[in-house]
């Protein structure tokens, strides 16, 4: 959330890239799809308060591709 608040000031309409990393390093055991959903929830919550920037991209690592089910995320967020 702090990243998103700071991005309002810094991005000035430019795209914001949020890399998805660290989930495995912290050894929390949280599934990758859940981490993506938490990021999306934070984006939506902060966007309700005020626009963050024109475009936000969540960068997914290629080596975690088998762990990320984009079709499920899309279905859940429709």
N, C-alpha and C. Protein backbone atom coordinates (compact mmCIF):
# COMPACT_ATOMS: atom_id res chain seq x y z
N UNK A 1 0.84 -1.19 0.00
CA UNK A 1 0.00 0.00 0.00
C UNK A 1 0.88 1.25 0.00
N UNK A 2 1.99 1.18 0.74
CA UNK A 2 2.92 2.31 0.75
C UNK A 2 3.50 2.56 -0.62
N UNK A 3 3.79 1.48 -1.35
CA UNK A 3 4.30 1.61 -2.72
C UNK A 3 3.29 2.33 -3.59
N UNK A 4 2.02 1.97 -3.46
CA UNK A 4 0.99 2.58 -4.29
C UNK A 4 0.79 4.06 -3.95
N UNK A 5 0.84 4.38 -2.67
CA UNK A 5 0.71 5.79 -2.26
C UNK A 5 1.86 6.61 -2.82
N UNK A 6 3.07 6.10 -2.72
CA UNK A 6 4.24 6.82 -3.24
C UNK A 6 4.19 6.92 -4.76
N UNK A 7 3.63 5.90 -5.41
CA UNK A 7 3.54 5.89 -6.87
C UNK A 7 2.67 7.03 -7.40
N UNK A 8 1.68 7.45 -6.63
CA UNK A 8 0.86 8.60 -7.05
C UNK A 8 1.73 9.83 -7.28
N UNK A 9 2.69 10.02 -6.40
CA UNK A 9 3.57 11.19 -6.49
C UNK A 9 4.63 11.02 -7.58
N UNK A 10 5.19 9.83 -7.69
CA UNK A 10 6.36 9.61 -8.53
C UNK A 10 6.01 9.30 -9.99
N UNK A 11 4.99 8.51 -10.22
CA UNK A 11 4.69 8.04 -11.58
C UNK A 11 4.16 9.13 -12.50
N UNK A 12 3.36 10.02 -11.98
CA UNK A 12 2.78 11.10 -12.79
C UNK A 12 2.14 10.60 -14.08
N UNK A 13 1.40 9.50 -13.98
CA UNK A 13 0.73 8.97 -15.16
C UNK A 13 1.53 7.92 -15.90
N UNK A 14 2.83 7.79 -15.62
CA UNK A 14 3.65 6.77 -16.27
C UNK A 14 3.31 5.39 -15.70
N UNK A 15 3.58 4.33 -16.48
CA UNK A 15 3.26 2.99 -15.99
C UNK A 15 4.03 2.63 -14.71
N UNK A 16 3.38 1.86 -13.87
CA UNK A 16 3.98 1.33 -12.64
C UNK A 16 4.14 -0.17 -12.82
N UNK A 17 5.37 -0.67 -12.68
CA UNK A 17 5.65 -2.10 -12.76
C UNK A 17 5.85 -2.64 -11.36
N UNK A 18 5.08 -3.66 -11.00
CA UNK A 18 5.21 -4.30 -9.70
C UNK A 18 5.68 -5.73 -9.94
N UNK A 19 6.96 -6.01 -9.68
CA UNK A 19 7.43 -7.38 -9.88
C UNK A 19 6.95 -8.30 -8.77
N UNK A 20 6.53 -9.49 -9.16
CA UNK A 20 6.09 -10.49 -8.20
C UNK A 20 7.31 -11.32 -7.82
N UNK A 21 7.89 -11.01 -6.69
CA UNK A 21 9.03 -11.77 -6.21
C UNK A 21 9.01 -11.75 -4.70
N UNK A 22 9.75 -12.64 -4.10
CA UNK A 22 9.86 -12.65 -2.65
C UNK A 22 8.92 -13.59 -1.94
N UNK A 23 7.85 -14.05 -2.60
CA UNK A 23 6.92 -14.94 -1.94
C UNK A 23 7.58 -16.22 -1.45
N UNK A 24 8.43 -16.80 -2.28
CA UNK A 24 9.12 -18.01 -1.89
C UNK A 24 10.26 -17.75 -0.93
N UNK A 25 10.90 -16.59 -1.06
CA UNK A 25 12.03 -16.28 -0.21
C UNK A 25 11.64 -16.10 1.24
N UNK A 26 10.45 -15.59 1.48
CA UNK A 26 10.01 -15.34 2.86
C UNK A 26 9.55 -16.62 3.55
N UNK A 27 9.40 -17.69 2.77
CA UNK A 27 8.98 -18.98 3.29
C UNK A 27 7.66 -18.92 4.07
N UNK A 28 6.76 -18.10 3.59
CA UNK A 28 5.46 -17.98 4.25
C UNK A 28 4.54 -19.11 3.86
N UNK A 29 4.83 -19.73 2.73
CA UNK A 29 3.97 -20.80 2.25
C UNK A 29 2.73 -20.30 1.54
N UNK A 30 2.65 -19.02 1.30
CA UNK A 30 1.49 -18.45 0.62
C UNK A 30 1.60 -18.75 -0.87
N UNK A 31 0.52 -19.26 -1.45
CA UNK A 31 0.52 -19.59 -2.87
C UNK A 31 0.65 -18.33 -3.70
N UNK A 32 1.28 -18.49 -4.87
CA UNK A 32 1.53 -17.36 -5.76
C UNK A 32 0.24 -16.66 -6.16
N UNK A 33 -0.82 -17.43 -6.45
CA UNK A 33 -2.10 -16.81 -6.84
C UNK A 33 -2.65 -15.93 -5.72
N UNK A 34 -2.46 -16.34 -4.50
CA UNK A 34 -2.94 -15.54 -3.37
C UNK A 34 -2.14 -14.24 -3.27
N UNK A 35 -0.84 -14.31 -3.50
CA UNK A 35 -0.01 -13.09 -3.48
C UNK A 35 -0.48 -12.13 -4.57
N UNK A 36 -0.76 -12.65 -5.76
CA UNK A 36 -1.27 -11.79 -6.84
C UNK A 36 -2.60 -11.17 -6.43
N UNK A 37 -3.49 -11.95 -5.81
CA UNK A 37 -4.78 -11.42 -5.37
C UNK A 37 -4.61 -10.33 -4.30
N UNK A 38 -3.66 -10.49 -3.41
CA UNK A 38 -3.41 -9.47 -2.38
C UNK A 38 -2.94 -8.17 -3.04
N UNK A 39 -2.07 -8.29 -4.04
CA UNK A 39 -1.61 -7.10 -4.77
C UNK A 39 -2.79 -6.43 -5.46
N UNK A 40 -3.65 -7.23 -6.10
CA UNK A 40 -4.82 -6.66 -6.79
C UNK A 40 -5.77 -5.98 -5.81
N UNK A 41 -5.98 -6.58 -4.66
CA UNK A 41 -6.85 -5.96 -3.65
C UNK A 41 -6.28 -4.62 -3.22
N UNK A 42 -4.97 -4.58 -2.98
CA UNK A 42 -4.34 -3.31 -2.58
C UNK A 42 -4.49 -2.26 -3.66
N UNK A 43 -4.32 -2.66 -4.92
CA UNK A 43 -4.48 -1.71 -6.03
C UNK A 43 -5.90 -1.18 -6.07
N UNK A 44 -6.90 -2.05 -5.96
CA UNK A 44 -8.29 -1.60 -6.02
C UNK A 44 -8.65 -0.71 -4.83
N UNK A 45 -8.19 -1.07 -3.65
CA UNK A 45 -8.48 -0.27 -2.46
C UNK A 45 -7.88 1.13 -2.58
N UNK A 46 -6.63 1.21 -3.01
CA UNK A 46 -5.99 2.52 -3.16
C UNK A 46 -6.59 3.32 -4.31
N UNK A 47 -7.02 2.62 -5.36
CA UNK A 47 -7.64 3.31 -6.50
C UNK A 47 -8.98 3.94 -6.13
N UNK A 48 -9.67 3.34 -5.16
CA UNK A 48 -10.92 3.92 -4.69
C UNK A 48 -10.69 5.29 -4.06
N UNK A 49 -9.57 5.43 -3.36
CA UNK A 49 -9.26 6.69 -2.68
C UNK A 49 -8.89 7.77 -3.67
N UNK A 50 -8.03 7.39 -4.64
CA UNK A 50 -7.56 8.35 -5.63
C UNK A 50 -6.80 7.58 -6.71
N UNK A 51 -6.83 8.07 -7.92
CA UNK A 51 -6.12 7.41 -9.02
C UNK A 51 -4.64 7.28 -8.68
N UNK A 52 -4.08 6.12 -8.99
CA UNK A 52 -2.66 5.88 -8.71
C UNK A 52 -1.83 6.34 -9.91
N UNK A 53 -2.08 5.76 -11.07
CA UNK A 53 -1.40 6.11 -12.32
C UNK A 53 -2.22 5.55 -13.47
N UNK A 54 -1.80 5.81 -14.70
CA UNK A 54 -2.58 5.37 -15.85
C UNK A 54 -2.55 3.86 -16.07
N UNK A 55 -1.42 3.23 -15.80
CA UNK A 55 -1.27 1.79 -16.07
C UNK A 55 -0.44 1.14 -14.97
N UNK A 56 -0.92 0.00 -14.48
CA UNK A 56 -0.18 -0.76 -13.47
C UNK A 56 0.01 -2.17 -14.02
N UNK A 57 1.26 -2.64 -14.01
CA UNK A 57 1.58 -3.98 -14.50
C UNK A 57 2.15 -4.81 -13.36
N UNK A 58 1.65 -6.02 -13.21
CA UNK A 58 2.24 -6.97 -12.26
C UNK A 58 3.12 -7.89 -13.10
N UNK A 59 4.41 -7.85 -12.84
CA UNK A 59 5.39 -8.63 -13.61
C UNK A 59 5.53 -10.00 -12.97
N UNK A 60 5.21 -11.04 -13.74
CA UNK A 60 5.24 -12.40 -13.24
C UNK A 60 6.52 -13.09 -13.71
N UNK A 61 7.25 -13.75 -12.83
CA UNK A 61 8.50 -14.41 -13.23
C UNK A 61 8.22 -15.67 -14.06
N UNK A 62 9.04 -15.89 -15.08
CA UNK A 62 8.86 -17.05 -15.96
C UNK A 62 9.00 -18.36 -15.19
N UNK A 63 9.88 -18.40 -14.22
CA UNK A 63 10.12 -19.65 -13.49
C UNK A 63 8.96 -20.02 -12.56
N UNK A 64 8.03 -19.13 -12.34
CA UNK A 64 6.84 -19.43 -11.51
C UNK A 64 5.59 -19.62 -12.36
N UNK A 65 5.78 -19.68 -13.68
CA UNK A 65 4.66 -19.76 -14.60
C UNK A 65 3.72 -20.92 -14.28
N UNK A 66 4.26 -22.07 -13.90
CA UNK A 66 3.42 -23.23 -13.60
C UNK A 66 2.62 -23.06 -12.31
N UNK A 67 3.02 -22.11 -11.46
CA UNK A 67 2.34 -21.88 -10.19
C UNK A 67 1.24 -20.82 -10.28
N UNK A 68 1.19 -20.11 -11.40
CA UNK A 68 0.26 -18.98 -11.53
C UNK A 68 -0.82 -19.34 -12.54
N UNK A 69 -2.06 -19.32 -12.07
CA UNK A 69 -3.19 -19.67 -12.93
C UNK A 69 -3.94 -18.40 -13.29
N UNK A 70 -3.50 -17.78 -14.38
CA UNK A 70 -4.09 -16.50 -14.78
C UNK A 70 -5.58 -16.64 -15.11
N UNK A 71 -5.98 -17.79 -15.65
CA UNK A 71 -7.40 -17.97 -15.97
C UNK A 71 -8.25 -17.94 -14.70
N UNK A 72 -7.76 -18.51 -13.60
CA UNK A 72 -8.50 -18.45 -12.33
C UNK A 72 -8.56 -17.04 -11.80
N UNK A 73 -7.46 -16.31 -11.90
CA UNK A 73 -7.43 -14.92 -11.43
C UNK A 73 -8.41 -14.09 -12.24
N UNK A 74 -8.40 -14.25 -13.55
CA UNK A 74 -9.32 -13.52 -14.42
C UNK A 74 -10.77 -13.84 -14.07
N UNK A 75 -11.07 -15.12 -13.87
CA UNK A 75 -12.43 -15.54 -13.53
C UNK A 75 -12.86 -14.94 -12.19
N UNK A 76 -11.97 -14.94 -11.21
CA UNK A 76 -12.30 -14.42 -9.89
C UNK A 76 -12.53 -12.91 -9.88
N UNK A 77 -11.88 -12.18 -10.78
CA UNK A 77 -11.96 -10.72 -10.77
C UNK A 77 -12.94 -10.15 -11.78
N UNK A 78 -13.68 -11.00 -12.46
CA UNK A 78 -14.68 -10.48 -13.41
C UNK A 78 -15.88 -9.98 -12.69
